[in-house]
């Protein structure tokens, strides 16, 4: 019997191709929430998926990304960018 993760993450939501066995990676979990990175060999796109299991129900949210699984792991533990950093970066780009 397949687990809910295997059933929900069985195929690419963009091209409907079946994911290969090693194309879906669990990146982390906290309580009943799990974060996955899915790579499609068929169309070349990747999806970050969050699955939440609660009271026997499973909910999922997926986002198309250009991150690799390694990138996602690296960014997951990095500090958020502050508003001041964004403003300074904008100023560097657009100030003559």
C-alpha atoms as a PDB file:
ATOM      1  CA  UNK A   1       0.000   0.000   0.000  1.00  0.00           C
ATOM      2  CA  UNK A   2       1.306   3.451  -0.897  1.00  0.00           C
ATOM      3  CA  UNK A   3       1.734   6.135   1.750  1.00  0.00           C
ATOM      4  CA  UNK A   4      -0.143   9.454   1.279  1.00  0.00           C
ATOM      5  CA  UNK A   5       3.181  11.097   0.309  1.00  0.00           C
ATOM      6  CA  UNK A   6       3.748   8.557  -2.455  1.00  0.00           C
ATOM      7  CA  UNK A   7       0.188   8.966  -3.730  1.00  0.00           C
ATOM      8  CA  UNK A   8       0.207  12.785  -3.732  1.00  0.00           C
ATOM      9  CA  UNK A   9       3.729  13.089  -5.125  1.00  0.00           C
ATOM     10  CA  UNK A  10       3.495  10.356  -7.744  1.00  0.00           C
ATOM     11  CA  UNK A  11       3.440  12.552 -10.831  1.00  0.00           C
ATOM     12  CA  UNK A  12       4.506  15.943 -12.097  1.00  0.00           C
ATOM     13  CA  UNK A  13       1.659  18.469 -11.832  1.00  0.00           C
ATOM     14  CA  UNK A  14       2.930  20.227 -14.971  1.00  0.00           C
ATOM     15  CA  UNK A  15       3.242  17.390 -17.491  1.00  0.00           C
ATOM     16  CA  UNK A  16       1.623  14.490 -15.576  1.00  0.00           C
ATOM     17  CA  UNK A  17       4.660  12.238 -16.078  1.00  0.00           C
ATOM     18  CA  UNK A  18       5.268   9.729 -13.289  1.00  0.00           C
ATOM     19  CA  UNK A  19       8.169  10.754 -11.074  1.00  0.00           C
ATOM     20  CA  UNK A  20      11.115   8.384 -10.983  1.00  0.00           C
ATOM     21  CA  UNK A  21      11.846   6.802  -7.625  1.00  0.00           C
ATOM     22  CA  UNK A  22      14.736   9.127  -6.720  1.00  0.00           C
ATOM     23  CA  UNK A  23      13.066  12.296  -8.072  1.00  0.00           C
ATOM     24  CA  UNK A  24      11.145  13.035  -4.858  1.00  0.00           C
ATOM     25  CA  UNK A  25      13.316  14.017  -1.875  1.00  0.00           C
ATOM     26  CA  UNK A  26      12.197  14.703   1.660  1.00  0.00           C
ATOM     27  CA  UNK A  27      14.040  17.876   2.702  1.00  0.00           C
ATOM     28  CA  UNK A  28      12.712  18.209   6.212  1.00  0.00           C
ATOM     29  CA  UNK A  29       9.831  17.761   8.557  1.00  0.00           C
ATOM     30  CA  UNK A  30       8.423  19.509  11.565  1.00  0.00           C
ATOM     31  CA  UNK A  31       5.611  17.777  13.377  1.00  0.00           C
ATOM     32  CA  UNK A  32       3.010  16.715  10.825  1.00  0.00           C
ATOM     33  CA  UNK A  33       4.436  18.980   8.089  1.00  0.00           C
ATOM     34  CA  UNK A  34       6.902  17.664   5.503  1.00  0.00           C
ATOM     35  CA  UNK A  35       8.814  19.554   2.805  1.00  0.00           C
ATOM     36  CA  UNK A  36       9.667  17.781  -0.460  1.00  0.00           C
ATOM     37  CA  UNK A  37      11.603  18.655  -3.606  1.00  0.00           C
ATOM     38  CA  UNK A  38      10.339  16.920  -6.766  1.00  0.00           C
ATOM     39  CA  UNK A  39      12.253  16.912 -10.072  1.00  0.00           C
ATOM     40  CA  UNK A  40      10.620  15.796 -13.309  1.00  0.00           C
ATOM     41  CA  UNK A  41      12.869  13.972 -15.770  1.00  0.00           C
ATOM     42  CA  UNK A  42      10.248  14.389 -18.512  1.00  0.00           C
ATOM     43  CA  UNK A  43       9.726  18.178 -18.586  1.00  0.00           C
ATOM     44  CA  UNK A  44      12.723  19.285 -16.505  1.00  0.00           C
ATOM     45  CA  UNK A  45      10.712  21.354 -14.014  1.00  0.00           C
ATOM     46  CA  UNK A  46      10.950  21.144 -10.232  1.00  0.00           C
ATOM     47  CA  UNK A  47       8.322  21.604  -7.540  1.00  0.00           C
ATOM     48  CA  UNK A  48       8.642  22.301  -3.823  1.00  0.00           C
ATOM     49  CA  UNK A  49       5.756  20.615  -2.026  1.00  0.00           C
ATOM     50  CA  UNK A  50       4.579  20.968   1.545  1.00  0.00           C
ATOM     51  CA  UNK A  51       2.392  18.190   2.925  1.00  0.00           C
ATOM     52  CA  UNK A  52       0.450  18.577   6.146  1.00  0.00           C
ATOM     53  CA  UNK A  53      -1.245  15.610   7.758  1.00  0.00           C
ATOM     54  CA  UNK A  54      -3.942  16.336  10.329  1.00  0.00           C
ATOM     55  CA  UNK A  55      -6.688  14.127  11.759  1.00  0.00           C
ATOM     56  CA  UNK A  56      -6.296  11.581   8.974  1.00  0.00           C
ATOM     57  CA  UNK A  57      -6.421  14.220   6.211  1.00  0.00           C
ATOM     58  CA  UNK A  58      -3.528  15.289   4.021  1.00  0.00           C
ATOM     59  CA  UNK A  59      -3.231  18.773   2.520  1.00  0.00           C
ATOM     60  CA  UNK A  60      -0.588  19.834   0.046  1.00  0.00           C
ATOM     61  CA  UNK A  61       0.741  23.004  -1.535  1.00  0.00           C
ATOM     62  CA  UNK A  62       3.176  22.973  -4.424  1.00  0.00           C
ATOM     63  CA  UNK A  63       5.288  25.757  -5.916  1.00  0.00           C
ATOM     64  CA  UNK A  64       7.200  25.557  -9.185  1.00  0.00           C
ATOM     65  CA  UNK A  65      10.848  26.419  -8.574  1.00  0.00           C
ATOM     66  CA  UNK A  66      14.198  26.622 -10.281  1.00  0.00           C
ATOM     67  CA  UNK A  67      15.968  25.516  -7.085  1.00  0.00           C
ATOM     68  CA  UNK A  68      17.704  22.170  -6.928  1.00  0.00           C
ATOM     69  CA  UNK A  69      17.191  20.063  -3.817  1.00  0.00           C
ATOM     70  CA  UNK A  70      20.669  21.145  -2.626  1.00  0.00           C
ATOM     71  CA  UNK A  71      19.792  24.836  -3.137  1.00  0.00           C
ATOM     72  CA  UNK A  72      16.565  24.411  -1.189  1.00  0.00           C
ATOM     73  CA  UNK A  73      18.398  22.791   1.718  1.00  0.00           C
ATOM     74  CA  UNK A  74      20.974  25.591   1.758  1.00  0.00           C
ATOM     75  CA  UNK A  75      18.385  28.399   1.644  1.00  0.00           C
ATOM     76  CA  UNK A  76      16.185  26.687   4.229  1.00  0.00           C
ATOM     77  CA  UNK A  77      18.778  27.325   6.925  1.00  0.00           C
ATOM     78  CA  UNK A  78      19.887  30.810   5.832  1.00  0.00           C
ATOM     79  CA  UNK A  79      18.795  34.036   7.496  1.00  0.00           C
ATOM     80  CA  UNK A  80      15.917  35.974   5.891  1.00  0.00           C
ATOM     81  CA  UNK A  81      16.806  39.085   3.906  1.00  0.00           C
ATOM     82  CA  UNK A  82      15.871  42.249   5.784  1.00  0.00           C
ATOM     83  CA  UNK A  83      13.960  45.185   4.330  1.00  0.00           C
ATOM     84  CA  UNK A  84      17.076  47.350   4.759  1.00  0.00           C
ATOM     85  CA  UNK A  85      19.155  44.881   2.720  1.00  0.00           C
ATOM     86  CA  UNK A  86      16.561  44.978  -0.070  1.00  0.00           C
ATOM     87  CA  UNK A  87      16.596  48.777  -0.110  1.00  0.00           C
ATOM     88  CA  UNK A  88      20.412  48.907  -0.194  1.00  0.00           C
ATOM     89  CA  UNK A  89      20.505  46.407  -3.052  1.00  0.00           C
ATOM     90  CA  UNK A  90      17.927  48.431  -5.004  1.00  0.00           C
ATOM     91  CA  UNK A  91      19.945  51.600  -4.409  1.00  0.00           C
ATOM     92  CA  UNK A  92      23.121  49.914  -5.668  1.00  0.00           C
ATOM     93  CA  UNK A  93      21.358  48.796  -8.826  1.00  0.00           C
ATOM     94  CA  UNK A  94      19.604  52.056  -9.670  1.00  0.00           C
ATOM     95  CA  UNK A  95      21.740  54.839  -8.212  1.00  0.00           C
ATOM     96  CA  UNK A  96      24.139  56.320 -10.777  1.00  0.00           C
END
